[in-house]
Amino acid sequence: MKYAVDRVENDVVILQNLSDGSMKEEKKETFPFKIKEKDIVVKQEDGYVLDLNAKKERIKLIKEKMNKLKSKE
């Protein structure tokens, strides 16, 4: 399951499920790497892994959508 990091509040990470949009919380210590907003993580049996390619692609798509919206004004 893939999640986008919506935000990090103190020791809690708020994740958005990329399949259905649902939200869930995880403790920051759950992640074996430095976690930050906009990261994409994949839940595996042994924990979470960072997906840098998915993060880059998601940022690119969001920028494209924003540019389309701006051009319609």
PDB file of N, CA and C in Angstrom:
ATOM      1  N   MET A   1       0.839  -1.176   0.000  1.00  0.00           N
ATOM      2  CA  MET A   1       0.000   0.000   0.000  1.00  0.00           C
ATOM      3  C   MET A   1       0.888   1.245   0.000  1.00  0.00           C
ATOM      4  N   LYS A   2       0.554   2.215  -0.856  1.00  0.00           N
ATOM      5  CA  LYS A   2       1.322   3.459  -0.943  1.00  0.00           C
ATOM      6  C   LYS A   2       0.602   4.572  -0.195  1.00  0.00           C
ATOM      7  N   TYR A   3       1.411   5.381   0.473  1.00  0.00           N
ATOM      8  CA  TYR A   3       0.895   6.513   1.233  1.00  0.00           C
ATOM      9  C   TYR A   3       1.702   7.759   0.923  1.00  0.00           C
ATOM     10  N   ALA A   4       1.024   8.904   0.938  1.00  0.00           N
ATOM     11  CA  ALA A   4       1.683  10.197   0.858  1.00  0.00           C
ATOM     12  C   ALA A   4       1.724  10.770   2.267  1.00  0.00           C
ATOM     13  N   VAL A   5       2.840  11.356   2.627  1.00  0.00           N
ATOM     14  CA  VAL A   5       2.939  11.992   3.940  1.00  0.00           C
ATOM     15  C   VAL A   5       2.244  13.344   3.832  1.00  0.00           C
ATOM     16  N   ASP A   6       1.109  13.453   4.509  1.00  0.00           N
ATOM     17  CA  ASP A   6       0.342  14.690   4.497  1.00  0.00           C
ATOM     18  C   ASP A   6       1.009  15.739   5.372  1.00  0.00           C
ATOM     19  N   ARG A   7       1.397  15.322   6.572  1.00  0.00           N
ATOM     20  CA  ARG A   7       2.081  16.235   7.488  1.00  0.00           C
ATOM     21  C   ARG A   7       2.728  15.449   8.613  1.00  0.00           C
ATOM     22  N   VAL A   8       3.642  16.130   9.297  1.00  0.00           N
ATOM     23  CA  VAL A   8       4.317  15.557  10.461  1.00  0.00           C
ATOM     24  C   VAL A   8       4.059  16.514  11.619  1.00  0.00           C
ATOM     25  N   GLU A   9       3.442  16.002  12.670  1.00  0.00           N
ATOM     26  CA  GLU A   9       3.105  16.812  13.839  1.00  0.00           C
ATOM     27  C   GLU A   9       3.764  16.196  15.059  1.00  0.00           C
ATOM     28  N   ASN A  10       4.785  16.874  15.568  1.00  0.00           N
ATOM     29  CA  ASN A  10       5.544  16.371  16.715  1.00  0.00           C
ATOM     30  C   ASN A  10       6.074  14.980  16.409  1.00  0.00           C
ATOM     31  N   ASP A  11       5.579  13.966  17.081  1.00  0.00           N
ATOM     32  CA  ASP A  11       6.061  12.599  16.868  1.00  0.00           C
ATOM     33  C   ASP A  11       5.070  11.741  16.086  1.00  0.00           C
ATOM     34  N   VAL A  12       4.115  12.376  15.407  1.00  0.00           N
ATOM     35  CA  VAL A  12       3.086  11.649  14.662  1.00  0.00           C
ATOM     36  C   VAL A  12       3.160  12.025  13.188  1.00  0.00           C
ATOM     37  N   VAL A  13       3.081  11.014  12.335  1.00  0.00           N
ATOM     38  CA  VAL A  13       3.076  11.213  10.882  1.00  0.00           C
ATOM     39  C   VAL A  13       1.664  10.907  10.384  1.00  0.00           C
ATOM     40  N   ILE A  14       1.075  11.864   9.663  1.00  0.00           N
ATOM     41  CA  ILE A  14      -0.258  11.682   9.097  1.00  0.00           C
ATOM     42  C   ILE A  14      -0.074  11.247   7.645  1.00  0.00           C
ATOM     43  N   LEU A  15      -0.612  10.061   7.333  1.00  0.00           N
ATOM     44  CA  LEU A  15      -0.460   9.461   6.004  1.00  0.00           C
ATOM     45  C   LEU A  15      -1.793   9.441   5.271  1.00  0.00           C
ATOM     46  N   GLN A  16      -1.730   9.694   3.956  1.00  0.00           N
ATOM     47  CA  GLN A  16      -2.913   9.572   3.120  1.00  0.00           C
ATOM     48  C   GLN A  16      -2.733   8.380   2.190  1.00  0.00           C
ATOM     49  N   ASN A  17      -3.677   7.466   2.250  1.00  0.00           N
ATOM     50  CA  ASN A  17      -3.669   6.301   1.380  1.00  0.00           C
ATOM     51  C   ASN A  17      -3.901   6.779  -0.054  1.00  0.00           C
ATOM     52  N   LEU A  18      -2.992   6.455  -0.962  1.00  0.00           N
ATOM     53  CA  LEU A  18      -3.103   6.930  -2.338  1.00  0.00           C
ATOM     54  C   LEU A  18      -4.167   6.189  -3.138  1.00  0.00           C
ATOM     55  N   SER A  19      -4.657   5.065  -2.633  1.00  0.00           N
ATOM     56  CA  SER A  19      -5.693   4.321  -3.337  1.00  0.00           C
ATOM     57  C   SER A  19      -7.089   4.868  -3.065  1.00  0.00           C
ATOM     58  N   ASP A  20      -7.363   5.144  -1.787  1.00  0.00           N
ATOM     59  CA  ASP A  20      -8.729   5.547  -1.440  1.00  0.00           C
ATOM     60  C   ASP A  20      -8.834   6.889  -0.719  1.00  0.00           C
ATOM     61  N   GLY A  21      -7.715   7.544  -0.466  1.00  0.00           N
ATOM     62  CA  GLY A  21      -7.740   8.858   0.156  1.00  0.00           C
ATOM     63  C   GLY A  21      -7.910   8.872   1.665  1.00  0.00           C
ATOM     64  N   SER A  22      -8.051   7.685   2.261  1.00  0.00           N
ATOM     65  CA  SER A  22      -8.226   7.628   3.713  1.00  0.00           C
ATOM     66  C   SER A  22      -6.942   8.065   4.417  1.00  0.00           C
ATOM     67  N   MET A  23      -7.105   8.520   5.642  1.00  0.00           N
ATOM     68  CA  MET A  23      -5.980   9.012   6.424  1.00  0.00           C
ATOM     69  C   MET A  23      -5.705   8.067   7.587  1.00  0.00           C
ATOM     70  N   LYS A  24      -4.424   7.997   7.975  1.00  0.00           N
ATOM     71  CA  LYS A  24      -4.057   7.222   9.148  1.00  0.00           C
ATOM     72  C   LYS A  24      -2.837   7.854   9.791  1.00  0.00           C
ATOM     73  N   GLU A  25      -2.630   7.520  11.051  1.00  0.00           N
ATOM     74  CA  GLU A  25      -1.498   8.063  11.803  1.00  0.00           C
ATOM     75  C   GLU A  25      -0.518   6.950  12.139  1.00  0.00           C
ATOM     76  N   GLU A  26       0.758   7.306  12.138  1.00  0.00           N
ATOM     77  CA  GLU A  26       1.827   6.403  12.559  1.00  0.00           C
ATOM     78  C   GLU A  26       2.778   7.205  13.429  1.00  0.00           C
ATOM     79  N   LYS A  27       3.413   6.541  14.357  1.00  0.00           N
ATOM     80  CA  LYS A  27       4.430   7.204  15.151  1.00  0.00           C
ATOM     81  C   LYS A  27       5.656   7.452  14.279  1.00  0.00           C
ATOM     82  N   LYS A  28       6.286   8.589  14.474  1.00  0.00           N
ATOM     83  CA  LYS A  28       7.460   8.958  13.683  1.00  0.00           C
ATOM     84  C   LYS A  28       8.561   7.906  13.808  1.00  0.00           C
ATOM     85  N   GLU A  29       8.678   7.296  14.967  1.00  0.00           N
ATOM     86  CA  GLU A  29       9.717   6.290  15.203  1.00  0.00           C
ATOM     87  C   GLU A  29       9.512   5.019  14.382  1.00  0.00           C
ATOM     88  N   THR A  30       8.336   4.872  13.776  1.00  0.00           N
ATOM     89  CA  THR A  30       8.036   3.713  12.927  1.00  0.00           C
ATOM     90  C   THR A  30       8.908   3.689  11.677  1.00  0.00           C
ATOM     91  N   PHE A  31       9.347   4.868  11.245  1.00  0.00           N
ATOM     92  CA  PHE A  31      10.078   4.993   9.998  1.00  0.00           C
ATOM     93  C   PHE A  31      11.587   4.945  10.242  1.00  0.00           C
ATOM     94  N   PRO A  32      12.297   4.064   9.544  1.00  0.00           N
ATOM     95  CA  PRO A  32      13.747   3.917   9.740  1.00  0.00           C
ATOM     96  C   PRO A  32      14.568   4.977   8.994  1.00  0.00           C
ATOM     97  N   PHE A  33      13.913   6.033   8.543  1.00  0.00           N
ATOM     98  CA  PHE A  33      14.562   7.107   7.803  1.00  0.00           C
ATOM     99  C   PHE A  33      13.883   8.410   8.196  1.00  0.00           C
ATOM    100  N   LYS A  34      14.516   9.513   7.851  1.00  0.00           N
ATOM    101  CA  LYS A  34      13.936  10.830   8.143  1.00  0.00           C
ATOM    102  C   LYS A  34      12.719  11.029   7.254  1.00  0.00           C
ATOM    103  N   ILE A  35      11.585  11.248   7.869  1.00  0.00           N
ATOM    104  CA  ILE A  35      10.319  11.382   7.142  1.00  0.00           C
ATOM    105  C   ILE A  35       9.911  12.849   7.102  1.00  0.00           C
ATOM    106  N   LYS A  36       9.358  13.280   5.947  1.00  0.00           N
ATOM    107  CA  LYS A  36       8.921  14.669   5.836  1.00  0.00           C
ATOM    108  C   LYS A  36       7.718  14.765   4.900  1.00  0.00           C
ATOM    109  N   GLU A  37       7.064  15.914   4.947  1.00  0.00           N
ATOM    110  CA  GLU A  37       5.906  16.135   4.086  1.00  0.00           C
ATOM    111  C   GLU A  37       6.271  15.916   2.625  1.00  0.00           C
ATOM    112  N   LYS A  38       5.318  15.427   1.871  1.00  0.00           N
ATOM    113  CA  LYS A  38       5.426  15.130   0.436  1.00  0.00           C
ATOM    114  C   LYS A  38       6.119  13.810   0.135  1.00  0.00           C
ATOM    115  N   ASP A  39       6.694  13.143   1.133  1.00  0.00           N
ATOM    116  CA  ASP A  39       7.299  11.831   0.891  1.00  0.00           C
ATOM    117  C   ASP A  39       6.225  10.829   0.510  1.00  0.00           C
ATOM    118  N   ILE A  40       6.607   9.852  -0.280  1.00  0.00           N
ATOM    119  CA  ILE A  40       5.746   8.719  -0.615  1.00  0.00           C
ATOM    120  C   ILE A  40       6.400   7.495   0.013  1.00  0.00           C
ATOM    121  N   VAL A  41       5.605   6.761   0.790  1.00  0.00           N
ATOM    122  CA  VAL A  41       6.122   5.564   1.441  1.00  0.00           C
ATOM    123  C   VAL A  41       5.263   4.363   1.059  1.00  0.00           C
ATOM    124  N   VAL A  42       5.888   3.210   1.058  1.00  0.00           N
ATOM    125  CA  VAL A  42       5.205   1.965   0.734  1.00  0.00           C
ATOM    126  C   VAL A  42       5.255   1.071   1.970  1.00  0.00           C
ATOM    127  N   LYS A  43       4.089   0.588   2.376  1.00  0.00           N
ATOM    128  CA  LYS A  43       4.006  -0.315   3.527  1.00  0.00           C
ATOM    129  C   LYS A  43       4.322  -1.728   3.055  1.00  0.00           C
ATOM    130  N   GLN A  44       5.328  -2.337   3.683  1.00  0.00           N
ATOM    131  CA  GLN A  44       5.693  -3.721   3.394  1.00  0.00           C
ATOM    132  C   GLN A  44       5.584  -4.524   4.679  1.00  0.00           C
ATOM    133  N   GLU A  45       5.765  -5.809   4.586  1.00  0.00           N
ATOM    134  CA  GLU A  45       5.651  -6.671   5.768  1.00  0.00           C
ATOM    135  C   GLU A  45       6.554  -6.226   6.902  1.00  0.00           C
ATOM    136  N   ASP A  46       7.767  -5.814   6.567  1.00  0.00           N
ATOM    137  CA  ASP A  46       8.746  -5.467   7.594  1.00  0.00           C
ATOM    138  C   ASP A  46       8.822  -3.971   7.888  1.00  0.00           C
ATOM    139  N   GLY A  47       7.848  -3.193   7.413  1.00  0.00           N
ATOM    140  CA  GLY A  47       7.824  -1.772   7.712  1.00  0.00           C
ATOM    141  C   GLY A  47       7.615  -0.929   6.464  1.00  0.00           C
ATOM    142  N   TYR A  48       8.033   0.312   6.553  1.00  0.00           N
ATOM    143  CA  TYR A  48       7.858   1.258   5.449  1.00  0.00           C
ATOM    144  C   TYR A  48       9.174   1.495   4.722  1.00  0.00           C
ATOM    145  N   VAL A  49       9.067   1.711   3.405  1.00  0.00           N
ATOM    146  CA  VAL A  49      10.221   2.110   2.608  1.00  0.00           C
ATOM    147  C   VAL A  49       9.850   3.376   1.839  1.00  0.00           C
ATOM    148  N   LEU A  50      10.838   4.205   1.610  1.00  0.00           N
ATOM    149  CA  LEU A  50      10.658   5.451   0.887  1.00  0.00           C
ATOM    150  C   LEU A  50      10.674   5.166  -0.613  1.00  0.00           C
ATOM    151  N   ASP A  51       9.738   5.765  -1.350  1.00  0.00           N
ATOM    152  CA  ASP A  51       9.672   5.595  -2.802  1.00  0.00           C
ATOM    153  C   ASP A  51       9.960   6.945  -3.461  1.00  0.00           C
ATOM    154  N   LEU A  52      11.226   7.201  -3.747  1.00  0.00           N
ATOM    155  CA  LEU A  52      11.636   8.487  -4.309  1.00  0.00           C
ATOM    156  C   LEU A  52      11.097   8.710  -5.720  1.00  0.00           C
ATOM    157  N   ASN A  53      11.020   7.663  -6.514  1.00  0.00           N
ATOM    158  CA  ASN A  53      10.496   7.805  -7.878  1.00  0.00           C
ATOM    159  C   ASN A  53       9.029   8.207  -7.869  1.00  0.00           C
ATOM    160  N   ALA A  54       8.247   7.589  -6.989  1.00  0.00           N
ATOM    161  CA  ALA A  54       6.831   7.938  -6.889  1.00  0.00           C
ATOM    162  C   ALA A  54       6.670   9.373  -6.398  1.00  0.00           C
ATOM    163  N   LYS A  55       7.543   9.811  -5.498  1.00  0.00           N
ATOM    164  CA  LYS A  55       7.494  11.182  -4.988  1.00  0.00           C
ATOM    165  C   LYS A  55       7.748  12.169  -6.129  1.00  0.00           C
ATOM    166  N   LYS A  56       8.776  11.929  -6.921  1.00  0.00           N
ATOM    167  CA  LYS A  56       9.096  12.818  -8.037  1.00  0.00           C
ATOM    168  C   LYS A  56       7.945  12.871  -9.036  1.00  0.00           C
ATOM    169  N   GLU A  57       7.370  11.726  -9.339  1.00  0.00           N
ATOM    170  CA  GLU A  57       6.271  11.658 -10.296  1.00  0.00           C
ATOM    171  C   GLU A  57       5.042  12.399  -9.772  1.00  0.00           C
ATOM    172  N   ARG A  58       4.733  12.227  -8.499  1.00  0.00           N
ATOM    173  CA  ARG A  58       3.570  12.902  -7.901  1.00  0.00           C
ATOM    174  C   ARG A  58       3.765  14.418  -7.904  1.00  0.00           C
ATOM    175  N   ILE A  59       4.943  14.886  -7.564  1.00  0.00           N
ATOM    176  CA  ILE A  59       5.221  16.324  -7.576  1.00  0.00           C
ATOM    177  C   ILE A  59       5.092  16.871  -8.992  1.00  0.00           C
ATOM    178  N   LYS A  60       5.591  16.122  -9.966  1.00  0.00           N
ATOM    179  CA  LYS A  60       5.495  16.535 -11.371  1.00  0.00           C
ATOM    180  C   LYS A  60       4.032  16.651 -11.804  1.00  0.00           C
ATOM    181  N   LEU A  61       3.206  15.668 -11.463  1.00  0.00           N
ATOM    182  CA  LEU A  61       1.792  15.688 -11.833  1.00  0.00           C
ATOM    183  C   LEU A  61       1.059  16.854 -11.182  1.00  0.00           C
ATOM    184  N   ILE A  62       1.359  17.115  -9.928  1.00  0.00           N
ATOM    185  CA  ILE A  62       0.712  18.225  -9.223  1.00  0.00           C
ATOM    186  C   ILE A  62       1.091  19.553  -9.864  1.00  0.00           C
ATOM    187  N   LYS A  63       2.366  19.720 -10.217  1.00  0.00           N
ATOM    188  CA  LYS A  63       2.804  20.949 -10.874  1.00  0.00           C
ATOM    189  C   LYS A  63       2.103  21.126 -12.221  1.00  0.00           C
ATOM    190  N   GLU A  64       1.956  20.038 -12.971  1.00  0.00           N
ATOM    191  CA  GLU A  64       1.278  20.108 -14.260  1.00  0.00           C
ATOM    192  C   GLU A  64      -0.180  20.527 -14.086  1.00  0.00           C
ATOM    193  N   LYS A  65      -0.846  19.967 -13.092  1.00  0.00           N
ATOM    194  CA  LYS A  65      -2.243  20.332 -12.825  1.00  0.00           C
ATOM    195  C   LYS A  65      -2.363  21.802 -12.434  1.00  0.00           C
ATOM    196  N   MET A  66      -1.447  22.261 -11.593  1.00  0.00           N
ATOM    197  CA  MET A  66      -1.470  23.666 -11.173  1.00  0.00           C
ATOM    198  C   MET A  66      -1.251  24.592 -12.366  1.00  0.00           C
ATOM    199  N   ASN A  67      -0.338  24.231 -13.261  1.00  0.00           N
ATOM    200  CA  ASN A  67      -0.091  25.044 -14.443  1.00  0.00           C
ATOM    201  C   ASN A  67      -1.305  25.090 -15.355  1.00  0.00           C
ATOM    202  N   LYS A  68      -2.026  23.968 -15.497  1.00  0.00           N
ATOM    203  CA  LYS A  68      -3.240  23.947 -16.303  1.00  0.00           C
ATOM    204  C   LYS A  68      -4.312  24.857 -15.703  1.00  0.00           C
ATOM    205  N   LEU A  69      -4.442  24.817 -14.379  1.00  0.00           N
ATOM    206  CA  LEU A  69      -5.415  25.664 -13.712  1.00  0.00           C
ATOM    207  C   LEU A  69      -5.076  27.146 -13.898  1.00  0.00           C
ATOM    208  N   LYS A  70      -3.808  27.485 -13.790  1.00  0.00           N
ATOM    209  CA  LYS A  70      -3.376  28.871 -13.952  1.00  0.00           C
ATOM    210  C   LYS A  70      -3.614  29.366 -15.372  1.00  0.00           C
ATOM    211  N   SER A  71      -3.421  28.484 -16.343  1.00  0.00           N
ATOM    212  CA  SER A  71      -3.582  28.898 -17.739  1.00  0.00           C
ATOM    213  C   SER A  71      -5.061  29.114 -18.115  1.00  0.00           C
ATOM    214  N   LYS A  72      -5.984  28.592 -17.331  1.00  0.00           N
ATOM    215  CA  LYS A  72      -7.416  28.765 -17.603  1.00  0.00           C
ATOM    216  C   LYS A  72      -7.949  30.108 -17.109  1.00  0.00           C
ATOM    217  N   GLU A  73      -7.159  30.797 -16.312  1.00  0.00           N
ATOM    218  CA  GLU A  73      -7.625  32.081 -15.740  1.00  0.00           C
ATOM    219  C   GLU A  73      -7.692  33.148 -16.745  1.00  0.00           C
TER     220      GLU A  73
END
